[in-house]
Amino acid sequence: MDNSKTLIQLLRNDYDGLLPVDLNSSSQLSTYIQAATSQNTRKAYRQDVQHFIAWGGLLLATPEIIVRYLHEHAEILNPRTLSRRLTALKHWHVYQEFSDPTLHPLVRKTLTGIQNVHGRPKEKAPAVTTEQLTLMVRYLKQQDTLQAWRNNALIQVGFFGAFRRSELANIQWENITFVAEGMEILIPRSKGDQGGEGQVCALPYGDKALCPVTALKTWCEKSYIESGFIFRAINRHEQMSYAPLTPDGVSLIIKSIAVECQLPHAEKMSGHSLRRGFATETSKKGAPFVSIMRHGRWKH
């Protein structure tokens, strides 16, 4: 079977009918190829191509029209966003078996120039310290609401598990095992495990001030969660959804708690602040670098 036709069939779904519809493929092989790229990446590529078309771009695209697109968005969009847009256009053309217009020297030079003029180093999210985490937990424990119980578990599990925000949002009851020493959380798939082998994060019991295991147990008892997603959306009427928080929602919660606690640089905190905080704090206490990397599921 012609693998290129399978790729074209795959991209048909990703680009909403922009690809030929007269090519057939093996559904099983399409599944494997689709799994090579994360769902979030495919969604981003779809949106990128749609943005290009909405602006007035045509498919097939020429180097000249792409340069115009870059020029008109140079002062509006982040250079990293423009770079991803080019990658999306590249995929569209390659999987259509057309030449890649983004490889043209004029396109590459234009993007490089935009990066040199408008690019700036990505600002790192401030790391949450153990003292700051204690303040946040103490603040939340003063409130007897579903949101407070959820948020208490969210920030403690996020910190001590060094979870990415997407990992936190996707934790499910079925993936949690409570053991004598604490609990184990199975992460079926993550950014550092695109192969889908699965990774286990072990969290021990803490003390009275900070304990992710107790916080999570309390949240599940208060919310009566016995299946499905653990960290769910809750509206202002304290009505809980079955749907999980989004990764952006996780970041907003962490930032809002930091602001309410009047922590330094609270406005710059994000979902990465907990993960970075764990690495920073454990490193200060002398934990081996390899152990920190392994626990946080960072690639060596």
Foldseek 3Di string as FASTA:
>chain_A
DPVLLLLQVLCCVLQPNPGDDPGDDDPVVSVVVVLVDDPVLSNLLNVLVVVCVVVPADPVGALVSLLVVCVVCLVPDALVSNVSSLVSNQSVQVSNVHDRRCPPPSNVVSSVVSCVVPNDDDDDAAAQAPVNLLLLLVVLVVDDALVSLLLNLLLQCCQQQLDQLQQLQFFKLVQWDADPFAIKGKRQDDPLCSVRPIDIADAGADDPRGGNRVSQVVSCVVVVDNTATRAFDADPVRDTDSHTQHSQRSFVSQLVSCVVSVHPPSNRHGSNNSSVNNLVHVVVVPDDPVVNCRSNVNDD
